[in-house]
PDB file of N, CA and C in Angstrom:
ATOM      1  N   MET A   1       0.826  -1.188   0.000  1.00  0.00           N
ATOM      2  CA  MET A   1       0.000   0.000   0.000  1.00  0.00           C
ATOM      3  C   MET A   1       0.874   1.256   0.000  1.00  0.00           C
ATOM      4  N   ARG A   2       1.956   1.215   0.739  1.00  0.00           N
ATOM      5  CA  ARG A   2       2.844   2.374   0.812  1.00  0.00           C
ATOM      6  C   ARG A   2       3.522   2.613  -0.532  1.00  0.00           C
ATOM      7  N   GLU A   3       3.786   1.555  -1.272  1.00  0.00           N
ATOM      8  CA  GLU A   3       4.452   1.699  -2.565  1.00  0.00           C
ATOM      9  C   GLU A   3       3.602   2.486  -3.558  1.00  0.00           C
ATOM     10  N   ALA A   4       2.297   2.425  -3.429  1.00  0.00           N
ATOM     11  CA  ALA A   4       1.429   3.120  -4.375  1.00  0.00           C
ATOM     12  C   ALA A   4       1.551   4.639  -4.228  1.00  0.00           C
ATOM     13  N   ALA A   5       1.936   5.106  -3.047  1.00  0.00           N
ATOM     14  CA  ALA A   5       2.029   6.542  -2.813  1.00  0.00           C
ATOM     15  C   ALA A   5       3.305   7.135  -3.415  1.00  0.00           C
ATOM     16  N   PHE A   6       4.362   6.329  -3.542  1.00  0.00           N
ATOM     17  CA  PHE A   6       5.640   6.805  -4.058  1.00  0.00           C
ATOM     18  C   PHE A   6       6.045   5.977  -5.274  1.00  0.00           C
ATOM     19  N   PRO A   7       6.815   6.548  -6.166  1.00  0.00           N
ATOM     20  CA  PRO A   7       7.392   5.737  -7.237  1.00  0.00           C
ATOM     21  C   PRO A   7       8.310   4.672  -6.627  1.00  0.00           C
ATOM     22  N   PRO A   8       8.421   3.498  -7.219  1.00  0.00           N
ATOM     23  CA  PRO A   8       9.183   2.388  -6.626  1.00  0.00           C
ATOM     24  C   PRO A   8      10.633   2.737  -6.292  1.00  0.00           C
ATOM     25  N   ILE A   9      11.313   3.511  -7.112  1.00  0.00           N
ATOM     26  CA  ILE A   9      12.723   3.809  -6.836  1.00  0.00           C
ATOM     27  C   ILE A   9      12.863   4.675  -5.589  1.00  0.00           C
ATOM     28  N   ILE A  10      11.959   5.628  -5.411  1.00  0.00           N
ATOM     29  CA  ILE A  10      12.001   6.489  -4.225  1.00  0.00           C
ATOM     30  C   ILE A  10      11.701   5.666  -2.980  1.00  0.00           C
ATOM     31  N   TYR A  11      10.772   4.739  -3.087  1.00  0.00           N
ATOM     32  CA  TYR A  11      10.421   3.889  -1.961  1.00  0.00           C
ATOM     33  C   TYR A  11      11.613   3.024  -1.549  1.00  0.00           C
ATOM     34  N   ARG A  12      12.327   2.453  -2.512  1.00  0.00           N
ATOM     35  CA  ARG A  12      13.498   1.621  -2.199  1.00  0.00           C
ATOM     36  C   ARG A  12      14.599   2.451  -1.553  1.00  0.00           C
ATOM     37  N   ILE A  13      14.811   3.656  -2.054  1.00  0.00           N
ATOM     38  CA  ILE A  13      15.818   4.538  -1.461  1.00  0.00           C
ATOM     39  C   ILE A  13      15.426   4.891  -0.029  1.00  0.00           C
ATOM     40  N   SER A  14      14.141   5.153   0.180  1.00  0.00           N
ATOM     41  CA  SER A  14      13.651   5.488   1.513  1.00  0.00           C
ATOM     42  C   SER A  14      13.871   4.329   2.491  1.00  0.00           C
ATOM     43  N   LEU A  15      13.596   3.107   2.057  1.00  0.00           N
ATOM     44  CA  LEU A  15      13.793   1.944   2.925  1.00  0.00           C
ATOM     45  C   LEU A  15      15.266   1.733   3.254  1.00  0.00           C
ATOM     46  N   ALA A  16      16.129   1.907   2.268  1.00  0.00           N
ATOM     47  CA  ALA A  16      17.569   1.733   2.510  1.00  0.00           C
ATOM     48  C   ALA A  16      18.089   2.796   3.467  1.00  0.00           C
ATOM     49  N   THR A  17      17.628   4.017   3.301  1.00  0.00           N
ATOM     50  CA  THR A  17      18.048   5.101   4.187  1.00  0.00           C
ATOM     51  C   THR A  17      17.547   4.871   5.604  1.00  0.00           C
ATOM     52  N   ARG A  18      16.303   4.447   5.727  1.00  0.00           N
ATOM     53  CA  ARG A  18      15.734   4.184   7.050  1.00  0.00           C
ATOM     54  C   ARG A  18      16.500   3.082   7.761  1.00  0.00           C
ATOM     55  N   LYS A  19      16.858   2.028   7.048  1.00  0.00           N
ATOM     56  CA  LYS A  19      17.622   0.939   7.653  1.00  0.00           C
ATOM     57  C   LYS A  19      18.975   1.433   8.146  1.00  0.00           C
ATOM     58  N   ARG A  20      19.645   2.246   7.332  1.00  0.00           N
ATOM     59  CA  ARG A  20      20.963   2.761   7.702  1.00  0.00           C
ATOM     60  C   ARG A  20      20.887   3.668   8.934  1.00  0.00           C
ATOM     61  N   ILE A  21      19.806   4.427   9.051  1.00  0.00           N
ATOM     62  CA  ILE A  21      19.655   5.340  10.181  1.00  0.00           C
ATOM     63  C   ILE A  21      19.249   4.594  11.448  1.00  0.00           C
ATOM     64  N   GLU A  22      18.381   3.612  11.339  1.00  0.00           N
ATOM     65  CA  GLU A  22      17.859   2.925  12.524  1.00  0.00           C
ATOM     66  C   GLU A  22      18.771   1.811  13.031  1.00  0.00           C
ATOM     67  N   GLU A  23      19.731   1.376  12.227  1.00  0.00           N
ATOM     68  CA  GLU A  23      20.609   0.287  12.639  1.00  0.00           C
ATOM     69  C   GLU A  23      21.380   0.589  13.928  1.00  0.00           C
ATOM     70  N   PRO A  24      22.009   1.756  14.073  1.00  0.00           N
ATOM     71  CA  PRO A  24      22.727   2.029  15.327  1.00  0.00           C
ATOM     72  C   PRO A  24      21.810   2.049  16.547  1.00  0.00           C
ATOM     73  N   PHE A  25      20.596   2.556  16.403  1.00  0.00           N
ATOM     74  CA  PHE A  25      19.685   2.612  17.539  1.00  0.00           C
ATOM     75  C   PHE A  25      19.254   1.209  17.953  1.00  0.00           C
ATOM     76  N   GLY A  26      19.027   0.324  16.985  1.00  0.00           N
ATOM     77  CA  GLY A  26      18.699  -1.060  17.305  1.00  0.00           C
ATOM     78  C   GLY A  26      19.849  -1.753  18.009  1.00  0.00           C
ATOM     79  N   TRP A  27      21.078  -1.501  17.545  1.00  0.00           N
ATOM     80  CA  TRP A  27      22.255  -2.089  18.183  1.00  0.00           C
ATOM     81  C   TRP A  27      22.379  -1.587  19.619  1.00  0.00           C
ATOM     82  N   MET A  28      22.178  -0.282  19.811  1.00  0.00           N
ATOM     83  CA  MET A  28      22.296   0.281  21.153  1.00  0.00           C
ATOM     84  C   MET A  28      21.250  -0.295  22.103  1.00  0.00           C
ATOM     85  N   LYS A  29      20.065  -0.581  21.591  1.00  0.00           N
ATOM     86  CA  LYS A  29      19.012  -1.111  22.445  1.00  0.00           C
ATOM     87  C   LYS A  29      19.241  -2.579  22.778  1.00  0.00           C
ATOM     88  N   THR A  30      19.694  -3.379  21.810  1.00  0.00           N
ATOM     89  CA  THR A  30      19.842  -4.807  22.064  1.00  0.00           C
ATOM     90  C   THR A  30      21.201  -5.144  22.665  1.00  0.00           C
ATOM     91  N   VAL A  31      22.268  -4.808  21.977  1.00  0.00           N
ATOM     92  CA  VAL A  31      23.606  -5.165  22.428  1.00  0.00           C
ATOM     93  C   VAL A  31      24.076  -4.221  23.531  1.00  0.00           C
ATOM     94  N   GLY A  32      23.803  -2.941  23.370  1.00  0.00           N
ATOM     95  CA  GLY A  32      24.280  -1.949  24.323  1.00  0.00           C
ATOM     96  C   GLY A  32      23.508  -1.889  25.623  1.00  0.00           C
ATOM     97  N   GLY A  33      22.341  -2.475  25.674  1.00  0.00           N
ATOM     98  CA  GLY A  33      21.583  -2.520  26.916  1.00  0.00           C
ATOM     99  C   GLY A  33      20.751  -1.276  27.191  1.00  0.00           C
ATOM    100  N   LEU A  34      20.415  -0.509  26.180  1.00  0.00           N
ATOM    101  CA  LEU A  34      19.617   0.689  26.422  1.00  0.00           C
ATOM    102  C   LEU A  34      18.118   0.433  26.373  1.00  0.00           C
ATOM    103  N   ARG A  35      17.722  -0.801  26.061  1.00  0.00           N
ATOM    104  CA  ARG A  35      16.280  -1.081  26.016  1.00  0.00           C
ATOM    105  C   ARG A  35      15.670  -0.907  27.404  1.00  0.00           C
ATOM    106  N   LYS A  36      16.352  -1.460  28.407  1.00  0.00           N
ATOM    107  CA  LYS A  36      15.886  -1.320  29.791  1.00  0.00           C
ATOM    108  C   LYS A  36      17.111  -1.017  30.639  1.00  0.00           C
ATOM    109  N   THR A  37      17.457   0.241  30.696  1.00  0.00           N
ATOM    110  CA  THR A  37      18.663   0.629  31.399  1.00  0.00           C
ATOM    111  C   THR A  37      18.500   0.488  32.911  1.00  0.00           C
ATOM    112  N   LEU A  38      19.577   0.141  33.563  1.00  0.00           N
ATOM    113  CA  LEU A  38      19.563   0.008  35.016  1.00  0.00           C
ATOM    114  C   LEU A  38      19.914   1.325  35.696  1.00  0.00           C
ATOM    115  N   HIS A  39      20.278   2.316  34.908  1.00  0.00           N
ATOM    116  CA  HIS A  39      20.670   3.608  35.453  1.00  0.00           C
ATOM    117  C   HIS A  39      19.445   4.488  35.654  1.00  0.00           C
ATOM    118  N   ARG A  40      19.498   5.297  36.687  1.00  0.00           N
ATOM    119  CA  ARG A  40      18.408   6.230  36.981  1.00  0.00           C
ATOM    120  C   ARG A  40      18.967   7.640  37.010  1.00  0.00           C
ATOM    121  N   GLY A  41      18.193   8.559  36.542  1.00  0.00           N
ATOM    122  CA  GLY A  41      18.614   9.952  36.509  1.00  0.00           C
ATOM    123  C   GLY A  41      19.004  10.358  35.103  1.00  0.00           C
ATOM    124  N   ARG A  42      18.617  11.546  34.735  1.00  0.00           N
ATOM    125  CA  ARG A  42      18.831  12.033  33.376  1.00  0.00           C
ATOM    126  C   ARG A  42      20.311  12.100  33.016  1.00  0.00           C
ATOM    127  N   ASP A  43      21.133  12.631  33.920  1.00  0.00           N
ATOM    128  CA  ASP A  43      22.556  12.787  33.622  1.00  0.00           C
ATOM    129  C   ASP A  43      23.259  11.440  33.454  1.00  0.00           C
ATOM    130  N   LEU A  44      22.926  10.474  34.312  1.00  0.00           N
ATOM    131  CA  LEU A  44      23.562   9.158  34.230  1.00  0.00           C
ATOM    132  C   LEU A  44      23.140   8.412  32.966  1.00  0.00           C
ATOM    133  N   VAL A  45      21.864   8.498  32.614  1.00  0.00           N
ATOM    134  CA  VAL A  45      21.380   7.843  31.397  1.00  0.00           C
ATOM    135  C   VAL A  45      21.990   8.505  30.164  1.00  0.00           C
ATOM    136  N   LYS A  46      22.128   9.828  30.186  1.00  0.00           N
ATOM    137  CA  LYS A  46      22.755  10.537  29.067  1.00  0.00           C
ATOM    138  C   LYS A  46      24.207  10.103  28.921  1.00  0.00           C
ATOM    139  N   TRP A  47      24.938  10.023  30.025  1.00  0.00           N
ATOM    140  CA  TRP A  47      26.329   9.594  30.002  1.00  0.00           C
ATOM    141  C   TRP A  47      26.441   8.164  29.458  1.00  0.00           C
ATOM    142  N   PHE A  48      25.556   7.278  29.922  1.00  0.00           N
ATOM    143  CA  PHE A  48      25.582   5.888  29.469  1.00  0.00           C
ATOM    144  C   PHE A  48      25.259   5.788  27.980  1.00  0.00           C
ATOM    145  N   SER A  49      24.327   6.614  27.505  1.00  0.00           N
ATOM    146  CA  SER A  49      23.973   6.607  26.083  1.00  0.00           C
ATOM    147  C   SER A  49      25.155   7.051  25.220  1.00  0.00           C
ATOM    148  N   VAL A  50      25.866   8.077  25.657  1.00  0.00           N
ATOM    149  CA  VAL A  50      27.044   8.538  24.922  1.00  0.00           C
ATOM    150  C   VAL A  50      28.117   7.455  24.922  1.00  0.00           C
ATOM    151  N   LEU A  51      28.307   6.799  26.054  1.00  0.00           N
ATOM    152  CA  LEU A  51      29.284   5.711  26.135  1.00  0.00           C
ATOM    153  C   LEU A  51      28.939   4.583  25.165  1.00  0.00           C
ATOM    154  N   ILE A  52      27.678   4.202  25.088  1.00  0.00           N
ATOM    155  CA  ILE A  52      27.244   3.144  24.175  1.00  0.00           C
ATOM    156  C   ILE A  52      27.431   3.579  22.725  1.00  0.00           C
ATOM    157  N   ALA A  53      27.193   4.847  22.409  1.00  0.00           N
ATOM    158  CA  ALA A  53      27.402   5.353  21.046  1.00  0.00           C
ATOM    159  C   ALA A  53      28.885   5.300  20.683  1.00  0.00           C
ATOM    160  N   ILE A  54      29.757   5.611  21.626  1.00  0.00           N
ATOM    161  CA  ILE A  54      31.199   5.521  21.389  1.00  0.00           C
ATOM    162  C   ILE A  54      31.596   4.079  21.118  1.00  0.00           C
ATOM    163  N   VAL A  55      31.074   3.150  21.910  1.00  0.00           N
ATOM    164  CA  VAL A  55      31.384   1.731  21.716  1.00  0.00           C
ATOM    165  C   VAL A  55      30.897   1.264  20.349  1.00  0.00           C
ATOM    166  N   TYR A  56      29.710   1.702  19.938  1.00  0.00           N
ATOM    167  CA  TYR A  56      29.197   1.317  18.622  1.00  0.00           C
ATOM    168  C   TYR A  56      30.139   1.790  17.516  1.00  0.00           C
ATOM    169  N   ASN A  57      30.629   3.015  17.632  1.00  0.00           N
ATOM    170  CA  ASN A  57      31.557   3.524  16.626  1.00  0.00           C
ATOM    171  C   ASN A  57      32.878   2.755  16.648  1.00  0.00           C
ATOM    172  N   LEU A  58      33.348   2.359  17.825  1.00  0.00           N
ATOM    173  CA  LEU A  58      34.575   1.563  17.911  1.00  0.00           C
ATOM    174  C   LEU A  58      34.385   0.175  17.293  1.00  0.00           C
ATOM    175  N   VAL A  59      33.202  -0.386  17.437  1.00  0.00           N
ATOM    176  CA  VAL A  59      32.905  -1.694  16.846  1.00  0.00           C
ATOM    177  C   VAL A  59      32.873  -1.580  15.324  1.00  0.00           C
ATOM    178  N   ARG A  60      32.445  -0.441  14.795  1.00  0.00           N
ATOM    179  CA  ARG A  60      32.353  -0.249  13.345  1.00  0.00           C
ATOM    180  C   ARG A  60      33.709  -0.029  12.674  1.00  0.00           C
ATOM    181  N   ILE A  61      34.715   0.415  13.409  1.00  0.00           N
ATOM    182  CA  ILE A  61      35.994   0.789  12.798  1.00  0.00           C
ATOM    183  C   ILE A  61      36.691  -0.371  12.079  1.00  0.00           C
ATOM    184  N   PRO A  62      36.876  -1.549  12.683  1.00  0.00           N
ATOM    185  CA  PRO A  62      37.613  -2.618  11.972  1.00  0.00           C
ATOM    186  C   PRO A  62      37.018  -3.012  10.618  1.00  0.00           C
ATOM    187  N   PRO A  63      35.692  -3.184  10.487  1.00  0.00           N
ATOM    188  CA  PRO A  63      35.174  -3.508   9.151  1.00  0.00           C
ATOM    189  C   PRO A  63      35.401  -2.389   8.137  1.00  0.00           C
ATOM    190  N   LEU A  64      35.380  -1.150   8.598  1.00  0.00           N
ATOM    191  CA  LEU A  64      35.610  -0.040   7.680  1.00  0.00           C
ATOM    192  C   LEU A  64      37.057   0.014   7.204  1.00  0.00           C
ATOM    193  N   LEU A  65      37.981  -0.442   8.034  1.00  0.00           N
ATOM    194  CA  LEU A  65      39.398  -0.406   7.689  1.00  0.00           C
ATOM    195  C   LEU A  65      39.897  -1.707   7.057  1.00  0.00           C
ATOM    196  N   ALA A  66      39.040  -2.696   6.940  1.00  0.00           N
ATOM    197  CA  ALA A  66      39.439  -3.990   6.391  1.00  0.00           C
ATOM    198  C   ALA A  66      39.840  -3.850   4.917  1.00  0.00           C
ATOM    199  N   PRO A  67      40.880  -4.584   4.497  1.00  0.00           N
ATOM    200  CA  PRO A  67      41.328  -4.483   3.102  1.00  0.00           C
ATOM    201  C   PRO A  67      40.326  -5.040   2.093  1.00  0.00           C
ATOM    202  N   SER A  68      39.401  -5.897   2.519  1.00  0.00           N
ATOM    203  CA  SER A  68      38.453  -6.479   1.569  1.00  0.00           C
ATOM    204  C   SER A  68      37.419  -5.469   1.080  1.00  0.00           C
ATOM    205  N   GLY A  69      37.151  -4.463   1.860  1.00  0.00           N
ATOM    206  CA  GLY A  69      36.188  -3.444   1.460  1.00  0.00           C
ATOM    207  C   GLY A  69      36.349  -2.236   2.347  1.00  0.00           C
ATOM    208  N   GLY A  70      36.020  -1.116   1.839  1.00  0.00           N
ATOM    209  CA  GLY A  70      36.155   0.090   2.640  1.00  0.00           C
ATOM    210  C   GLY A  70      37.512   0.729   2.447  1.00  0.00           C
ATOM    211  N   ILE A  71      38.010   1.345   3.483  1.00  0.00           N
ATOM    212  CA  ILE A  71      39.243   2.112   3.403  1.00  0.00           C
ATOM    213  C   ILE A  71      40.407   1.277   3.916  1.00  0.00           C
ATOM    214  N   CYS A  72      41.493   1.282   3.213  1.00  0.00           N
ATOM    215  CA  CYS A  72      42.703   0.616   3.668  1.00  0.00           C
ATOM    216  C   CYS A  72      43.782   1.682   3.809  1.00  0.00           C
ATOM    217  N   LEU A  73      44.218   1.924   5.022  1.00  0.00           N
ATOM    218  CA  LEU A  73      45.171   3.009   5.270  1.00  0.00           C
ATOM    219  C   LEU A  73      46.582   2.679   4.817  1.00  0.00           C
ATOM    220  N   GLU A  74      46.919   1.401   4.646  1.00  0.00           N
ATOM    221  CA  GLU A  74      48.269   1.014   4.291  1.00  0.00           C
ATOM    222  C   GLU A  74      48.623   1.394   2.846  1.00  0.00           C
ATOM    223  N   HIS A  75      47.667   1.500   1.950  1.00  0.00           N
ATOM    224  CA  HIS A  75      47.930   1.758   0.545  1.00  0.00           C
ATOM    225  C   HIS A  75      47.838   3.226   0.178  1.00  0.00           C
ATOM    226  N   ARG A  76      47.603   4.098   1.168  1.00  0.00           N
ATOM    227  CA  ARG A  76      47.536   5.527   0.875  1.00  0.00           C
ATOM    228  C   ARG A  76      48.926   6.086   0.684  1.00  0.00           C
ATOM    229  N   LYS A  77      49.060   7.075  -0.193  1.00  0.00           N
ATOM    230  CA  LYS A  77      50.361   7.733  -0.405  1.00  0.00           C
ATOM    231  C   LYS A  77      50.220   9.218  -0.278  1.00  0.00           C
TER     232      LYS A  77
END
C-alpha cells in the first residue's frame, strides 16, 4: 500500500536510508543494553547513552578499515 504513494525507486531509497539510520539505535538497544537501562537519573542515562554510542563507533571501525572493502590506510600515499 505504501508503494502506491511513491514511485518504486524512491520507496526503495527510503527503505535503505531508514535501515541505515535505525541500525545504530537497534544495536544500542539490544547489544548496548539501552532497552531497559539500570541507570536512573537524566545525567547518568545521558552519560551511558554517549558511552554506548562511542562503543558502537569503535565496533564499526575494523570492518571499515578492512582491506576487503572500505578504506585501507596502508595503501595511501
